[in-house]
């Protein structure tokens, strides 16, 4: 089964991105504010509004 989550990009209100669990390399928190950076296999970092804990929960990584 493929796990994926829909995330809002940082600072954007209308753009949602679907990220698949298999494509995630690393998740790191943003120091200021609420959000984190998700690094993918295609070497594209996405800044999302969800916290690191919420991303792990949505993608069933923990």
N, C-alpha and C. Protein backbone atom coordinates (compact mmCIF):
# COMPACT_ATOMS: atom_id res chain seq x y z
N UNK A 1 0.84 -1.17 0.00
CA UNK A 1 0.00 0.00 0.00
C UNK A 1 0.89 1.24 0.00
N UNK A 2 0.53 2.20 -0.82
CA UNK A 2 1.30 3.45 -0.91
C UNK A 2 0.68 4.47 0.04
N UNK A 3 1.52 5.02 0.91
CA UNK A 3 1.06 6.06 1.83
C UNK A 3 1.45 7.40 1.25
N UNK A 4 0.51 8.34 1.24
CA UNK A 4 0.81 9.68 0.78
C UNK A 4 0.05 10.67 1.65
N UNK A 5 0.49 11.91 1.58
CA UNK A 5 -0.17 12.97 2.34
C UNK A 5 -0.25 14.21 1.49
N UNK A 6 -1.26 15.02 1.75
CA UNK A 6 -1.42 16.29 1.06
C UNK A 6 -0.98 17.40 2.00
N UNK A 7 -0.08 18.25 1.54
CA UNK A 7 0.49 19.29 2.37
C UNK A 7 0.35 20.64 1.68
N UNK A 8 0.16 21.68 2.47
CA UNK A 8 0.15 23.04 1.93
C UNK A 8 1.57 23.57 1.93
N UNK A 9 1.98 24.17 0.81
CA UNK A 9 3.32 24.72 0.73
C UNK A 9 3.42 25.94 1.62
N UNK A 10 4.60 26.17 2.17
CA UNK A 10 4.86 27.27 3.09
C UNK A 10 4.56 28.61 2.42
N UNK A 11 3.70 29.40 3.04
CA UNK A 11 3.38 30.72 2.53
C UNK A 11 2.36 30.73 1.40
N UNK A 12 1.86 29.59 1.00
CA UNK A 12 0.90 29.51 -0.09
C UNK A 12 -0.45 29.08 0.48
N UNK A 13 -1.52 29.66 -0.03
CA UNK A 13 -2.85 29.28 0.45
C UNK A 13 -3.56 28.34 -0.51
N UNK A 14 -3.22 28.38 -1.77
CA UNK A 14 -3.98 27.62 -2.76
C UNK A 14 -3.22 26.43 -3.35
N UNK A 15 -1.97 26.26 -2.97
CA UNK A 15 -1.17 25.19 -3.57
C UNK A 15 -1.03 24.04 -2.58
N UNK A 16 -1.54 22.88 -2.95
CA UNK A 16 -1.35 21.65 -2.18
C UNK A 16 -0.45 20.73 -2.98
N UNK A 17 0.38 19.99 -2.30
CA UNK A 17 1.27 19.06 -2.97
C UNK A 17 1.07 17.68 -2.33
N UNK A 18 1.05 16.65 -3.18
CA UNK A 18 0.93 15.27 -2.69
C UNK A 18 2.32 14.67 -2.65
N UNK A 19 2.70 14.17 -1.48
CA UNK A 19 4.03 13.59 -1.30
C UNK A 19 3.86 12.13 -0.90
N UNK A 20 4.56 11.25 -1.60
CA UNK A 20 4.49 9.82 -1.31
C UNK A 20 5.60 9.44 -0.34
N UNK A 21 5.27 8.54 0.55
CA UNK A 21 6.19 8.07 1.59
C UNK A 21 7.49 7.54 1.00
N UNK A 22 7.42 6.85 -0.11
CA UNK A 22 8.59 6.24 -0.73
C UNK A 22 9.57 7.27 -1.28
N UNK A 23 9.11 8.50 -1.54
CA UNK A 23 9.96 9.53 -2.13
C UNK A 23 10.68 10.40 -1.10
N UNK A 24 10.35 10.24 0.17
CA UNK A 24 10.92 11.10 1.21
C UNK A 24 12.29 10.59 1.64
N UNK A 25 13.28 11.49 1.61
CA UNK A 25 14.61 11.16 2.09
C UNK A 25 14.82 11.65 3.52
N UNK A 26 14.40 12.88 3.80
CA UNK A 26 14.66 13.48 5.09
C UNK A 26 13.60 14.53 5.40
N UNK A 27 13.28 14.68 6.67
CA UNK A 27 12.35 15.72 7.13
C UNK A 27 13.06 16.50 8.23
N UNK A 28 13.15 17.81 8.06
CA UNK A 28 13.80 18.62 9.08
C UNK A 28 12.93 19.83 9.42
N UNK A 29 12.88 20.19 10.71
CA UNK A 29 12.04 21.31 11.13
C UNK A 29 12.64 22.65 10.73
N UNK A 30 11.78 23.64 10.54
CA UNK A 30 12.22 25.01 10.32
C UNK A 30 12.36 25.64 11.70
N UNK A 31 13.48 26.30 11.96
CA UNK A 31 13.77 26.79 13.30
C UNK A 31 12.76 27.81 13.79
N UNK A 32 12.36 28.74 12.94
CA UNK A 32 11.40 29.76 13.37
C UNK A 32 10.03 29.43 12.80
N UNK A 33 9.04 29.51 13.64
CA UNK A 33 7.68 29.28 13.15
C UNK A 33 7.32 27.81 13.12
N UNK A 34 6.19 27.57 12.57
CA UNK A 34 5.62 26.23 12.51
C UNK A 34 5.72 25.73 11.08
N UNK A 35 6.49 24.71 10.88
CA UNK A 35 6.65 24.15 9.55
C UNK A 35 7.88 23.27 9.48
N UNK A 36 8.09 22.65 8.33
CA UNK A 36 9.28 21.82 8.16
C UNK A 36 9.62 21.74 6.68
N UNK A 37 10.80 21.19 6.40
CA UNK A 37 11.26 20.99 5.03
C UNK A 37 11.30 19.50 4.77
N UNK A 38 10.68 19.09 3.67
CA UNK A 38 10.68 17.69 3.26
C UNK A 38 11.60 17.56 2.05
N UNK A 39 12.65 16.76 2.17
CA UNK A 39 13.58 16.52 1.07
C UNK A 39 13.17 15.23 0.36
N UNK A 40 13.06 15.31 -0.97
CA UNK A 40 12.62 14.17 -1.76
C UNK A 40 13.76 13.57 -2.57
N UNK A 41 13.52 12.39 -3.14
CA UNK A 41 14.52 11.70 -3.96
C UNK A 41 14.93 12.50 -5.19
N UNK A 42 14.02 13.31 -5.72
CA UNK A 42 14.34 14.10 -6.91
C UNK A 42 15.10 15.38 -6.56
N UNK A 43 15.62 15.46 -5.31
CA UNK A 43 16.46 16.56 -4.82
C UNK A 43 15.73 17.89 -4.77
N UNK A 44 14.42 17.85 -4.60
CA UNK A 44 13.63 19.07 -4.46
C UNK A 44 13.15 19.18 -3.03
N UNK A 45 13.54 20.25 -2.32
CA UNK A 45 13.03 20.45 -0.97
C UNK A 45 11.69 21.20 -1.00
N UNK A 46 10.75 20.75 -0.21
CA UNK A 46 9.46 21.42 -0.10
C UNK A 46 9.30 21.95 1.31
N UNK A 47 9.00 23.23 1.44
CA UNK A 47 8.69 23.82 2.74
C UNK A 47 7.19 23.75 2.92
N UNK A 48 6.75 23.08 3.97
CA UNK A 48 5.32 22.90 4.20
C UNK A 48 4.91 23.50 5.53
N UNK A 49 3.63 23.78 5.67
CA UNK A 49 3.09 24.43 6.87
C UNK A 49 2.95 23.49 8.06
N UNK A 50 2.95 22.20 7.85
CA UNK A 50 2.77 21.25 8.95
C UNK A 50 4.08 21.07 9.73
N UNK A 51 3.95 20.73 11.00
CA UNK A 51 5.13 20.48 11.83
C UNK A 51 5.72 19.13 11.46
N UNK A 52 6.93 18.88 11.94
CA UNK A 52 7.61 17.62 11.66
C UNK A 52 6.79 16.42 12.16
N UNK A 53 6.20 16.56 13.33
CA UNK A 53 5.39 15.48 13.91
C UNK A 53 4.16 15.20 13.04
N UNK A 54 3.52 16.25 12.52
CA UNK A 54 2.33 16.06 11.67
C UNK A 54 2.70 15.37 10.36
N UNK A 55 3.85 15.70 9.80
CA UNK A 55 4.29 15.06 8.56
C UNK A 55 4.54 13.58 8.78
N UNK A 56 5.22 13.23 9.87
CA UNK A 56 5.45 11.81 10.19
C UNK A 56 4.13 11.08 10.36
N UNK A 57 3.15 11.72 11.00
CA UNK A 57 1.85 11.09 11.23
C UNK A 57 1.10 10.89 9.92
N UNK A 58 1.11 11.90 9.03
CA UNK A 58 0.39 11.78 7.77
C UNK A 58 0.99 10.72 6.85
N UNK A 59 2.31 10.58 6.88
CA UNK A 59 2.97 9.62 6.00
C UNK A 59 3.20 8.26 6.65
N UNK A 60 2.77 8.10 7.90
CA UNK A 60 2.95 6.85 8.65
C UNK A 60 4.42 6.44 8.70
N UNK A 61 5.30 7.40 8.99
CA UNK A 61 6.72 7.10 9.05
C UNK A 61 7.17 6.72 10.47
N UNK A 62 6.41 7.11 11.46
CA UNK A 62 6.83 6.83 12.85
C UNK A 62 6.21 5.56 13.37
